[in-house]
PDB file of N, CA and C in Angstrom:
ATOM      1  N   MET A   1      42.197 -88.698  87.299  1.00  0.00           N
ATOM      2  CA  MET A   1      42.531 -88.295  85.650  1.00  0.00           C
ATOM      3  C   MET A   1      41.545 -88.889  84.224  1.00  0.00           C
ATOM      4  N   LYS A   2      40.695 -87.727  83.913  1.00  0.00           N
ATOM      5  CA  LYS A   2      40.490 -88.183  82.969  1.00  0.00           C
ATOM      6  C   LYS A   2      40.801 -87.133  81.648  1.00  0.00           C
ATOM      7  N   LEU A   3      40.834 -88.333  80.279  1.00  0.00           N
ATOM      8  CA  LEU A   3      41.430 -87.480  79.523  1.00  0.00           C
ATOM      9  C   LEU A   3      40.325 -88.146  78.318  1.00  0.00           C
ATOM     10  N   PHE A   4      40.068 -86.318  77.549  1.00  0.00           N
ATOM     11  CA  PHE A   4      39.182 -86.756  76.063  1.00  0.00           C
ATOM     12  C   PHE A   4      40.048 -86.831  74.858  1.00  0.00           C
ATOM     13  N   SER A   5      39.273 -87.821  74.052  1.00  0.00           N
ATOM     14  CA  SER A   5      40.323 -87.952  72.794  1.00  0.00           C
ATOM     15  C   SER A   5      39.719 -87.799  71.621  1.00  0.00           C
ATOM     16  N   CYS A   6      39.960 -87.716  70.867  1.00  0.00           N
ATOM     17  CA  CYS A   6      39.614 -87.879  69.470  1.00  0.00           C
ATOM     18  C   CYS A   6      40.113 -89.020  68.567  1.00  0.00           C
ATOM     19  N   GLU A   7      39.547 -89.011  67.098  1.00  0.00           N
ATOM     20  CA  GLU A   7      39.847 -90.774  66.873  1.00  0.00           C
ATOM     21  C   GLU A   7      41.800 -90.861  66.838  1.00  0.00           C
ATOM     22  N   THR A   8      42.276 -89.112  66.434  1.00  0.00           N
ATOM     23  CA  THR A   8      43.461 -89.453  65.980  1.00  0.00           C
ATOM     24  C   THR A   8      44.343 -89.834  67.430  1.00  0.00           C
ATOM     25  N   HIS A   9      44.020 -89.297  68.545  1.00  0.00           N
ATOM     26  CA  HIS A   9      45.202 -89.231  69.856  1.00  0.00           C
ATOM     27  C   HIS A   9      44.310 -90.297  70.592  1.00  0.00           C
ATOM     28  N   ILE A  10      43.797 -91.207  70.520  1.00  0.00           N
ATOM     29  CA  ILE A  10      43.343 -92.176  70.990  1.00  0.00           C
ATOM     30  C   ILE A  10      44.525 -92.709  71.490  1.00  0.00           C
ATOM     31  N   ASN A  11      45.513 -93.360  70.534  1.00  0.00           N
ATOM     32  CA  ASN A  11      46.662 -94.200  71.453  1.00  0.00           C
ATOM     33  C   ASN A  11      47.716 -93.235  72.337  1.00  0.00           C
ATOM     34  N   GLN A  12      47.600 -91.702  71.994  1.00  0.00           N
ATOM     35  CA  GLN A  12      48.748 -90.955  73.001  1.00  0.00           C
ATOM     36  C   GLN A  12      47.709 -91.219  74.152  1.00  0.00           C
ATOM     37  N   ALA A  13      46.698 -91.198  74.572  1.00  0.00           N
ATOM     38  CA  ALA A  13      46.070 -91.245  75.323  1.00  0.00           C
ATOM     39  C   ALA A  13      45.846 -92.087  76.221  1.00  0.00           C
ATOM     40  N   LEU A  14      45.658 -93.234  75.649  1.00  0.00           N
ATOM     41  CA  LEU A  14      46.093 -94.355  76.432  1.00  0.00           C
ATOM     42  C   LEU A  14      47.437 -94.715  77.142  1.00  0.00           C
ATOM     43  N   ASP A  15      48.496 -94.398  76.052  1.00  0.00           N
ATOM     44  CA  ASP A  15      49.774 -94.552  76.833  1.00  0.00           C
ATOM     45  C   ASP A  15      50.274 -93.477  77.612  1.00  0.00           C
ATOM     46  N   MET A  16      49.634 -92.511  77.879  1.00  0.00           N
ATOM     47  CA  MET A  16      49.847 -91.452  78.912  1.00  0.00           C
ATOM     48  C   MET A  16      49.181 -91.909  79.801  1.00  0.00           C
ATOM     49  N   PHE A  17      47.625 -92.572  79.814  1.00  0.00           N
ATOM     50  CA  PHE A  17      46.987 -93.013  81.122  1.00  0.00           C
ATOM     51  C   PHE A  17      47.950 -93.798  81.780  1.00  0.00           C
ATOM     52  N   VAL A  18      48.411 -94.971  80.903  1.00  0.00           N
ATOM     53  CA  VAL A  18      49.573 -96.250  81.680  1.00  0.00           C
ATOM     54  C   VAL A  18      50.376 -95.780  82.071  1.00  0.00           C
ATOM     55  N   ALA A  19      51.156 -94.580  81.569  1.00  0.00           N
ATOM     56  CA  ALA A  19      52.526 -94.362  81.851  1.00  0.00           C
ATOM     57  C   ALA A  19      52.226 -93.829  83.508  1.00  0.00           C
ATOM     58  N   GLU A  20      51.169 -93.185  83.384  1.00  0.00           N
ATOM     59  CA  GLU A  20      50.801 -92.335  84.837  1.00  0.00           C
ATOM     60  C   GLU A  20      50.404 -93.037  85.861  1.00  0.00           C
ATOM     61  N   HIS A  21      49.706 -93.828  85.762  1.00  0.00           N
ATOM     62  CA  HIS A  21      48.703 -94.699  86.499  1.00  0.00           C
ATOM     63  C   HIS A  21      49.068 -96.225  86.242  1.00  0.00           C
ATOM     64  N   LYS A  22      50.139 -96.792  85.518  1.00  0.00           N
ATOM     65  CA  LYS A  22      50.428 -98.074  85.992  1.00  0.00           C
ATOM     66  C   LYS A  22      49.367 -99.032  85.644  1.00  0.00           C
ATOM     67  N   THR A  23      48.473 -98.714  85.394  1.00  0.00           N
ATOM     68  CA  THR A  23      47.210 -99.500  85.022  1.00  0.00           C
ATOM     69  C   THR A  23      46.532 -99.262  83.974  1.00  0.00           C
ATOM     70  N   PHE A  24      45.477-100.295  83.284  1.00  0.00           N
ATOM     71  CA  PHE A  24      45.002-100.100  82.137  1.00  0.00           C
ATOM     72  C   PHE A  24      43.541 -99.044  82.876  1.00  0.00           C
ATOM     73  N   PRO A  25      43.031 -98.112  81.466  1.00  0.00           N
ATOM     74  CA  PRO A  25      42.294 -97.327  82.264  1.00  0.00           C
ATOM     75  C   PRO A  25      40.522 -98.130  81.811  1.00  0.00           C
ATOM     76  N   MET A  26      39.515 -97.368  81.893  1.00  0.00           N
ATOM     77  CA  MET A  26      38.111 -97.456  80.813  1.00  0.00           C
ATOM     78  C   MET A  26      38.079 -96.795  80.010  1.00  0.00           C
ATOM     79  N   LEU A  27      38.197 -97.091  78.977  1.00  0.00           N
ATOM     80  CA  LEU A  27      37.465 -96.877  77.441  1.00  0.00           C
ATOM     81  C   LEU A  27      36.460 -96.574  76.978  1.00  0.00           C
ATOM     82  N   GLU A  28      35.873 -95.580  77.134  1.00  0.00           N
ATOM     83  CA  GLU A  28      34.368 -95.215  76.652  1.00  0.00           C
ATOM     84  C   GLU A  28      33.970 -94.170  75.673  1.00  0.00           C
ATOM     85  N   LYS A  29      32.997 -94.650  74.796  1.00  0.00           N
ATOM     86  CA  LYS A  29      32.641 -93.730  73.911  1.00  0.00           C
ATOM     87  C   LYS A  29      31.981 -92.422  74.405  1.00  0.00           C
ATOM     88  N   LEU A  30      31.930 -91.217  74.059  1.00  0.00           N
ATOM     89  CA  LEU A  30      30.818 -90.075  74.744  1.00  0.00           C
ATOM     90  C   LEU A  30      29.727 -90.543  74.235  1.00  0.00           C
ATOM     91  N   LYS A  31      28.905 -89.586  74.109  1.00  0.00           N
ATOM     92  CA  LYS A  31      27.053 -89.828  73.916  1.00  0.00           C
ATOM     93  C   LYS A  31      27.362 -88.456  73.122  1.00  0.00           C
ATOM     94  N   GLU A  32      26.218 -88.747  72.198  1.00  0.00           N
ATOM     95  CA  GLU A  32      26.063 -87.945  71.113  1.00  0.00           C
ATOM     96  C   GLU A  32      26.329 -86.528  71.656  1.00  0.00           C
ATOM     97  N   GLU A  33      25.515 -86.104  73.139  1.00  0.00           N
ATOM     98  CA  GLU A  33      25.290 -84.794  73.134  1.00  0.00           C
ATOM     99  C   GLU A  33      26.610 -84.010  73.403  1.00  0.00           C
ATOM    100  N   GLU A  34      27.132 -85.120  74.301  1.00  0.00           N
ATOM    101  CA  GLU A  34      29.069 -84.872  75.163  1.00  0.00           C
ATOM    102  C   GLU A  34      29.930 -84.617  73.847  1.00  0.00           C
ATOM    103  N   LYS A  35      29.772 -85.003  72.743  1.00  0.00           N
ATOM    104  CA  LYS A  35      30.538 -85.199  71.845  1.00  0.00           C
ATOM    105  C   LYS A  35      30.328 -83.644  71.369  1.00  0.00           C
ATOM    106  N   LEU A  36      29.556 -82.644  71.344  1.00  0.00           N
ATOM    107  CA  LEU A  36      29.525 -81.339  70.613  1.00  0.00           C
ATOM    108  C   LEU A  36      30.192 -80.230  71.386  1.00  0.00           C
ATOM    109  N   SER A  37      30.159 -80.687  72.777  1.00  0.00           N
ATOM    110  CA  SER A  37      30.897 -79.259  73.775  1.00  0.00           C
ATOM    111  C   SER A  37      32.397 -80.097  74.186  1.00  0.00           C
ATOM    112  N   THR A  38      32.908 -81.169  74.122  1.00  0.00           N
ATOM    113  CA  THR A  38      34.306 -81.524  74.403  1.00  0.00           C
ATOM    114  C   THR A  38      34.804 -81.437  73.888  1.00  0.00           C
ATOM    115  N   LYS A  39      36.514 -81.156  73.361  1.00  0.00           N
ATOM    116  CA  LYS A  39      37.057 -80.761  72.972  1.00  0.00           C
ATOM    117  C   LYS A  39      38.238 -82.402  73.657  1.00  0.00           C
ATOM    118  N   CYS A  40      39.096 -82.871  72.366  1.00  0.00           N
ATOM    119  CA  CYS A  40      40.272 -83.810  72.554  1.00  0.00           C
ATOM    120  C   CYS A  40      40.919 -83.095  73.368  1.00  0.00           C
ATOM    121  N   THR A  41      41.493 -83.699  74.848  1.00  0.00           N
ATOM    122  CA  THR A  41      42.947 -83.167  75.111  1.00  0.00           C
ATOM    123  C   THR A  41      43.755 -82.436  74.487  1.00  0.00           C
ATOM    124  N   TYR A  42      44.047 -82.961  73.131  1.00  0.00           N
ATOM    125  CA  TYR A  42      45.427 -82.647  72.442  1.00  0.00           C
ATOM    126  C   TYR A  42      45.537 -82.131  71.306  1.00  0.00           C
ATOM    127  N   CYS A  43      44.343 -81.828  70.641  1.00  0.00           N
ATOM    128  CA  CYS A  43      44.184 -80.747  69.979  1.00  0.00           C
ATOM    129  C   CYS A  43      42.623 -80.046  70.135  1.00  0.00           C
ATOM    130  N   ASP A  44      41.972 -79.633  68.736  1.00  0.00           N
ATOM    131  CA  ASP A  44      40.986 -78.861  68.945  1.00  0.00           C
ATOM    132  C   ASP A  44      39.676 -79.306  68.697  1.00  0.00           C
ATOM    133  N   VAL A  45      39.864 -80.314  68.199  1.00  0.00           N
ATOM    134  CA  VAL A  45      38.846 -81.573  67.483  1.00  0.00           C
ATOM    135  C   VAL A  45      37.840 -81.789  68.671  1.00  0.00           C
ATOM    136  N   ALA A  46      36.760 -82.033  68.157  1.00  0.00           N
ATOM    137  CA  ALA A  46      35.979 -82.520  68.897  1.00  0.00           C
ATOM    138  C   ALA A  46      35.808 -84.281  69.780  1.00  0.00           C
ATOM    139  N   ALA A  47      36.039 -84.089  70.726  1.00  0.00           N
ATOM    140  CA  ALA A  47      36.503 -85.881  71.236  1.00  0.00           C
ATOM    141  C   ALA A  47      35.714 -87.196  70.834  1.00  0.00           C
ATOM    142  N   VAL A  48      35.960 -87.652  70.578  1.00  0.00           N
ATOM    143  CA  VAL A  48      34.911 -89.002  70.353  1.00  0.00           C
ATOM    144  C   VAL A  48      35.189 -90.397  71.831  1.00  0.00           C
ATOM    145  N   TYR A  49      36.099 -90.095  72.479  1.00  0.00           N
ATOM    146  CA  TYR A  49      36.431 -91.068  73.571  1.00  0.00           C
ATOM    147  C   TYR A  49      36.626 -90.343  75.184  1.00  0.00           C
ATOM    148  N   ILE A  50      36.691 -91.021  75.816  1.00  0.00           N
ATOM    149  CA  ILE A  50      37.233 -90.679  77.487  1.00  0.00           C
ATOM    150  C   ILE A  50      38.003 -91.841  77.824  1.00  0.00           C
ATOM    151  N   VAL A  51      38.858 -91.336  78.276  1.00  0.00           N
ATOM    152  CA  VAL A  51      39.818 -92.575  78.597  1.00  0.00           C
ATOM    153  C   VAL A  51      40.385 -91.908  80.569  1.00  0.00           C
ATOM    154  N   GLU A  52      39.607 -92.752  81.128  1.00  0.00           N
ATOM    155  CA  GLU A  52      39.607 -92.417  82.980  1.00  0.00           C
ATOM    156  C   GLU A  52      39.790 -94.030  83.802  1.00  0.00           C
ATOM    157  N   LYS A  53      39.869 -93.487  85.315  1.00  0.00           N
ATOM    158  CA  LYS A  53      40.431 -94.700  86.106  1.00  0.00           C
ATOM    159  C   LYS A  53      39.116 -95.202  86.111  1.00  0.00           C
ATOM    160  N   GLU A  54      39.052 -96.927  86.277  1.00  0.00           N
ATOM    161  CA  GLU A  54      37.828 -97.799  86.349  1.00  0.00           C
ATOM    162  C   GLU A  54      36.944 -97.061  87.482  1.00  0.00           C
ATOM    163  N   LYS A  55      35.471 -97.205  87.554  1.00  0.00           N
ATOM    164  CA  LYS A  55      34.916 -96.782  88.249  1.00  0.00           C
ATOM    165  C   LYS A  55      34.878 -97.771  89.764  1.00  0.00           C
TER     166      LYS A  55
END
């Protein structure tokens, strides 16, 4: 599961991940070039963070 999040929805993304996977996710800031083309999972704003399972 990968969730992309803007500044506004980061808490929602973290809560959703923990509720679904019962574990803490990795939280990383997107690279500048990724920010341009990636939208938040919860709205239409450019994503700033990616929330995903630890690698």
